[in-house]
Amino acid sequence: MQHIKSNLMDHTHYQFAGFWKRFAAAIIDGVLIVFICSSLKWALAEALMLKPGFNLDYEESRDIAYILWSLYLILIRWSYYAGMESSPLKATLGKLAVGIYVTDEHGERIAFGQASARFFGKAISGMIFGVGYLMAGFTERKQALHDQISRCFVLKK
């Protein structure tokens, strides 16, 4: 006998997380990531200035450090969001703090690839003046554009 998972859209007992809970989680996660990574840029600049044979002044080392820090920050953010949302917790620390989590269309944990698509889809949500994020406040299932792209849902616990 074949077991067919029910589709999340067929259930009425799920509560979709609204815009403001998601916004609060994003603020918490943003502060956490910036707090953890903020000193890295300055440490990189110092390391580049002190590197033998690099003869860089402060401005040059700061600019290179900023580029490296930006790439590192993208990598850290991607690892954090995709890793946490595809973990058994199904949520980042910010989402856990406000009582929401990310799931697929069957209410199951999402895969790392799906979580990655959701993360990089946020760039599209932001590029159109944040309208992709605001969609979470107006769509039937409270999905932002990046949720629709990755076929994810954000639910209340």
C-alpha atoms as a PDB file:
ATOM      1  CA  MET A   1       0.000   0.000   0.000  1.00  0.00           C
ATOM      2  CA  GLN A   2       1.426   3.364  -0.991  1.00  0.00           C
ATOM      3  CA  HIS A   3       1.610   6.095   1.648  1.00  0.00           C
ATOM      4  CA  ILE A   4       0.947   9.528   0.218  1.00  0.00           C
ATOM      5  CA  LYS A   5       1.918  12.551   2.280  1.00  0.00           C
ATOM      6  CA  SER A   6      -0.843  15.076   2.558  1.00  0.00           C
ATOM      7  CA  ASN A   7      -0.264  18.520   1.181  1.00  0.00           C
ATOM      8  CA  LEU A   8       0.076  21.365   3.687  1.00  0.00           C
ATOM      9  CA  MET A   9      -2.495  23.345   1.760  1.00  0.00           C
ATOM     10  CA  ASP A  10      -5.136  20.686   2.508  1.00  0.00           C
ATOM     11  CA  HIS A  11      -4.892  21.183   6.277  1.00  0.00           C
ATOM     12  CA  THR A  12      -6.657  23.851   8.229  1.00  0.00           C
ATOM     13  CA  HIS A  13      -4.898  23.178  11.539  1.00  0.00           C
ATOM     14  CA  TYR A  14      -1.659  24.851  10.428  1.00  0.00           C
ATOM     15  CA  GLN A  15      -1.186  28.482  11.398  1.00  0.00           C
ATOM     16  CA  PHE A  16       0.897  30.468   8.955  1.00  0.00           C
ATOM     17  CA  ALA A  17       3.313  32.972  10.496  1.00  0.00           C
ATOM     18  CA  GLY A  18       2.500  36.562   9.635  1.00  0.00           C
ATOM     19  CA  PHE A  19       4.704  39.407   8.530  1.00  0.00           C
ATOM     20  CA  TRP A  20       5.454  40.902  11.967  1.00  0.00           C
ATOM     21  CA  LYS A  21       6.622  37.655  13.594  1.00  0.00           C
ATOM     22  CA  ARG A  22       8.846  37.038  10.598  1.00  0.00           C
ATOM     23  CA  PHE A  23      10.143  40.608  10.770  1.00  0.00           C
ATOM     24  CA  ALA A  24      10.977  40.235  14.477  1.00  0.00           C
ATOM     25  CA  ALA A  25      12.841  36.989  13.764  1.00  0.00           C
ATOM     26  CA  ALA A  26      14.805  38.694  10.969  1.00  0.00           C
ATOM     27  CA  ILE A  27      15.828  41.512  13.333  1.00  0.00           C
ATOM     28  CA  ILE A  28      17.019  39.029  15.971  1.00  0.00           C
ATOM     29  CA  ASP A  29      18.955  36.989  13.398  1.00  0.00           C
ATOM     30  CA  GLY A  30      20.445  40.121  11.830  1.00  0.00           C
ATOM     31  CA  VAL A  31      21.687  41.460  15.155  1.00  0.00           C
ATOM     32  CA  LEU A  32      23.135  38.059  16.031  1.00  0.00           C
ATOM     33  CA  ILE A  33      25.019  37.724  12.749  1.00  0.00           C
ATOM     34  CA  VAL A  34      26.345  41.287  12.830  1.00  0.00           C
ATOM     35  CA  PHE A  35      27.391  40.902  16.458  1.00  0.00           C
ATOM     36  CA  ILE A  36      29.284  37.698  15.711  1.00  0.00           C
ATOM     37  CA  CYS A  37      30.954  38.930  12.503  1.00  0.00           C
ATOM     38  CA  SER A  38      31.451  42.669  13.087  1.00  0.00           C
ATOM     39  CA  SER A  39      35.024  42.513  14.325  1.00  0.00           C
ATOM     40  CA  LEU A  40      36.164  40.309  11.453  1.00  0.00           C
ATOM     41  CA  LYS A  41      36.565  43.208   9.007  1.00  0.00           C
ATOM     42  CA  TRP A  42      38.876  45.102  11.344  1.00  0.00           C
ATOM     43  CA  ALA A  43      40.867  41.978  12.165  1.00  0.00           C
ATOM     44  CA  LEU A  44      41.338  41.336   8.443  1.00  0.00           C
ATOM     45  CA  ALA A  45      42.476  44.920   7.857  1.00  0.00           C
ATOM     46  CA  GLU A  46      45.031  44.647  10.650  1.00  0.00           C
ATOM     47  CA  ALA A  47      46.263  41.296   9.363  1.00  0.00           C
ATOM     48  CA  LEU A  48      46.686  42.680   5.838  1.00  0.00           C
ATOM     49  CA  MET A  49      48.604  45.738   7.075  1.00  0.00           C
ATOM     50  CA  LEU A  50      50.973  43.556   9.094  1.00  0.00           C
ATOM     51  CA  LYS A  51      51.524  40.947   6.338  1.00  0.00           C
ATOM     52  CA  PRO A  52      55.169  41.080   5.201  1.00  0.00           C
ATOM     53  CA  GLY A  53      55.594  42.135   1.570  1.00  0.00           C
ATOM     54  CA  PHE A  54      52.112  43.657   1.340  1.00  0.00           C
ATOM     55  CA  ASN A  55      53.068  47.353   1.739  1.00  0.00           C
ATOM     56  CA  LEU A  56      49.435  48.429   2.049  1.00  0.00           C
ATOM     57  CA  ASP A  57      48.315  51.582   3.749  1.00  0.00           C
ATOM     58  CA  TYR A  58      45.298  51.594   6.025  1.00  0.00           C
ATOM     59  CA  GLU A  59      42.766  52.579   3.339  1.00  0.00           C
ATOM     60  CA  GLU A  60      43.940  49.880   0.904  1.00  0.00           C
ATOM     61  CA  SER A  61      43.952  47.164   3.551  1.00  0.00           C
ATOM     62  CA  ARG A  62      40.546  48.333   4.798  1.00  0.00           C
ATOM     63  CA  ASP A  63      39.084  48.134   1.266  1.00  0.00           C
ATOM     64  CA  ILE A  64      40.458  44.633   0.670  1.00  0.00           C
ATOM     65  CA  ALA A  65      39.298  43.562   4.113  1.00  0.00           C
ATOM     66  CA  TYR A  66      35.825  44.926   3.362  1.00  0.00           C
ATOM     67  CA  ILE A  67      35.580  42.853   0.177  1.00  0.00           C
ATOM     68  CA  LEU A  68      36.781  39.719   1.968  1.00  0.00           C
ATOM     69  CA  TRP A  69      34.488  40.423   4.922  1.00  0.00           C
ATOM     70  CA  SER A  70      31.494  40.887   2.597  1.00  0.00           C
ATOM     71  CA  LEU A  71      32.141  37.529   0.936  1.00  0.00           C
ATOM     72  CA  TYR A  72      32.656  35.906   4.332  1.00  0.00           C
ATOM     73  CA  LEU A  73      29.447  37.467   5.642  1.00  0.00           C
ATOM     74  CA  ILE A  74      27.463  36.059   2.704  1.00  0.00           C
ATOM     75  CA  LEU A  75      28.966  32.637   3.362  1.00  0.00           C
ATOM     76  CA  ILE A  76      28.233  32.855   7.102  1.00  0.00           C
ATOM     77  CA  ARG A  77      24.656  34.069   6.519  1.00  0.00           C
ATOM     78  CA  TRP A  78      23.991  31.357   3.922  1.00  0.00           C
ATOM     79  CA  SER A  79      25.418  28.648   6.198  1.00  0.00           C
ATOM     80  CA  TYR A  80      23.465  29.958   9.180  1.00  0.00           C
ATOM     81  CA  TYR A  81      20.070  30.328   7.485  1.00  0.00           C
ATOM     82  CA  ALA A  82      20.203  27.258   5.228  1.00  0.00           C
ATOM     83  CA  GLY A  83      21.825  25.127   7.915  1.00  0.00           C
ATOM     84  CA  MET A  84      19.440  26.057  10.696  1.00  0.00           C
ATOM     85  CA  GLU A  85      16.271  25.968   8.587  1.00  0.00           C
ATOM     86  CA  SER A  86      17.151  22.544   7.148  1.00  0.00           C
ATOM     87  CA  SER A  87      18.136  21.187  10.573  1.00  0.00           C
ATOM     88  CA  PRO A  88      15.762  19.232  12.813  1.00  0.00           C
ATOM     89  CA  LEU A  89      14.973  22.573  14.521  1.00  0.00           C
ATOM     90  CA  LYS A  90      13.537  23.883  11.200  1.00  0.00           C
ATOM     91  CA  ALA A  91      14.321  27.424  12.339  1.00  0.00           C
ATOM     92  CA  THR A  92      17.003  30.001  12.954  1.00  0.00           C
ATOM     93  CA  LEU A  93      17.566  31.269  16.490  1.00  0.00           C
ATOM     94  CA  GLY A  94      15.441  34.335  15.701  1.00  0.00           C
ATOM     95  CA  LYS A  95      12.584  32.169  14.460  1.00  0.00           C
ATOM     96  CA  LEU A  96      12.855  29.947  17.524  1.00  0.00           C
ATOM     97  CA  ALA A  97      12.701  33.033  19.757  1.00  0.00           C
ATOM     98  CA  VAL A  98       9.387  34.177  18.234  1.00  0.00           C
ATOM     99  CA  GLY A  99       7.910  30.680  17.870  1.00  0.00           C
ATOM    100  CA  ILE A 100       7.931  30.097  14.117  1.00  0.00           C
ATOM    101  CA  TYR A 101       9.587  27.560  11.810  1.00  0.00           C
ATOM    102  CA  VAL A 102      10.112  26.749   8.128  1.00  0.00           C
ATOM    103  CA  THR A 103       8.594  23.719   6.452  1.00  0.00           C
ATOM    104  CA  ASP A 104       7.935  22.259   3.025  1.00  0.00           C
ATOM    105  CA  GLU A 105       4.502  21.867   1.459  1.00  0.00           C
ATOM    106  CA  HIS A 106       3.952  18.639   3.446  1.00  0.00           C
ATOM    107  CA  GLY A 107       4.833  20.125   6.832  1.00  0.00           C
ATOM    108  CA  GLU A 108       8.192  18.339   6.769  1.00  0.00           C
ATOM    109  CA  ARG A 109      11.735  19.596   7.289  1.00  0.00           C
ATOM    110  CA  ILE A 110      13.224  21.212   4.195  1.00  0.00           C
ATOM    111  CA  ALA A 111      16.423  19.987   2.562  1.00  0.00           C
ATOM    112  CA  PHE A 112      19.603  22.077   2.561  1.00  0.00           C
ATOM    113  CA  GLY A 113      19.191  22.763  -1.173  1.00  0.00           C
ATOM    114  CA  GLN A 114      15.649  24.013  -0.651  1.00  0.00           C
ATOM    115  CA  ALA A 115      16.818  26.136   2.285  1.00  0.00           C
ATOM    116  CA  SER A 116      19.604  27.506   0.048  1.00  0.00           C
ATOM    117  CA  ALA A 117      17.070  28.407  -2.646  1.00  0.00           C
ATOM    118  CA  ARG A 118      15.038  30.187   0.023  1.00  0.00           C
ATOM    119  CA  PHE A 119      18.113  32.096   1.241  1.00  0.00           C
ATOM    120  CA  PHE A 120      19.234  33.238  -2.211  1.00  0.00           C
ATOM    121  CA  GLY A 121      15.615  33.959  -3.154  1.00  0.00           C
ATOM    122  CA  LYS A 122      15.656  36.616  -0.438  1.00  0.00           C
ATOM    123  CA  ALA A 123      17.966  38.640  -2.691  1.00  0.00           C
ATOM    124  CA  ILE A 124      15.160  38.762  -5.261  1.00  0.00           C
ATOM    125  CA  SER A 125      12.635  39.672  -2.561  1.00  0.00           C
ATOM    126  CA  GLY A 126      14.851  42.582  -1.550  1.00  0.00           C
ATOM    127  CA  MET A 127      15.828  43.734  -5.051  1.00  0.00           C
ATOM    128  CA  ILE A 128      12.282  44.727  -5.870  1.00  0.00           C
ATOM    129  CA  PHE A 129      12.220  47.353  -3.121  1.00  0.00           C
ATOM    130  CA  GLY A 130      11.299  44.806  -0.448  1.00  0.00           C
ATOM    131  CA  VAL A 131       7.972  43.978  -2.085  1.00  0.00           C
ATOM    132  CA  GLY A 132       8.915  40.295  -2.053  1.00  0.00           C
ATOM    133  CA  TYR A 133       9.100  40.438   1.747  1.00  0.00           C
ATOM    134  CA  LEU A 134       5.890  42.447   2.101  1.00  0.00           C
ATOM    135  CA  MET A 135       4.010  39.740   0.212  1.00  0.00           C
ATOM    136  CA  ALA A 136       4.050  37.703   3.451  1.00  0.00           C
ATOM    137  CA  GLY A 137       1.549  40.154   4.878  1.00  0.00           C
ATOM    138  CA  PHE A 138      -0.892  39.855   2.003  1.00  0.00           C
ATOM    139  CA  THR A 139      -0.823  36.343   0.523  1.00  0.00           C
ATOM    140  CA  GLU A 140      -3.296  33.688   1.638  1.00  0.00           C
ATOM    141  CA  ARG A 141      -0.641  31.428   3.166  1.00  0.00           C
ATOM    142  CA  LYS A 142       1.565  34.313   4.344  1.00  0.00           C
ATOM    143  CA  GLN A 143       4.299  33.462   1.837  1.00  0.00           C
ATOM    144  CA  ALA A 144       6.965  35.943   0.834  1.00  0.00           C
ATOM    145  CA  LEU A 145       8.325  35.741  -2.707  1.00  0.00           C
ATOM    146  CA  HIS A 146      11.341  33.687  -1.598  1.00  0.00           C
ATOM    147  CA  ASP A 147       8.972  31.207   0.092  1.00  0.00           C
ATOM    148  CA  GLN A 148       7.030  30.820  -3.124  1.00  0.00           C
ATOM    149  CA  ILE A 149      10.230  30.385  -5.144  1.00  0.00           C
ATOM    150  CA  SER A 150      11.471  27.629  -2.804  1.00  0.00           C
ATOM    151  CA  ARG A 151       8.023  26.139  -2.104  1.00  0.00           C
ATOM    152  CA  CYS A 152       8.344  26.735   1.643  1.00  0.00           C
ATOM    153  CA  PHE A 153       5.986  27.856   4.369  1.00  0.00           C
ATOM    154  CA  VAL A 154       6.666  29.599   7.659  1.00  0.00           C
ATOM    155  CA  LEU A 155       4.381  28.324  10.405  1.00  0.00           C
ATOM    156  CA  LYS A 156       3.605  29.216  14.009  1.00  0.00           C
ATOM    157  CA  LYS A 157       4.474  26.604  16.618  1.00  0.00           C
END
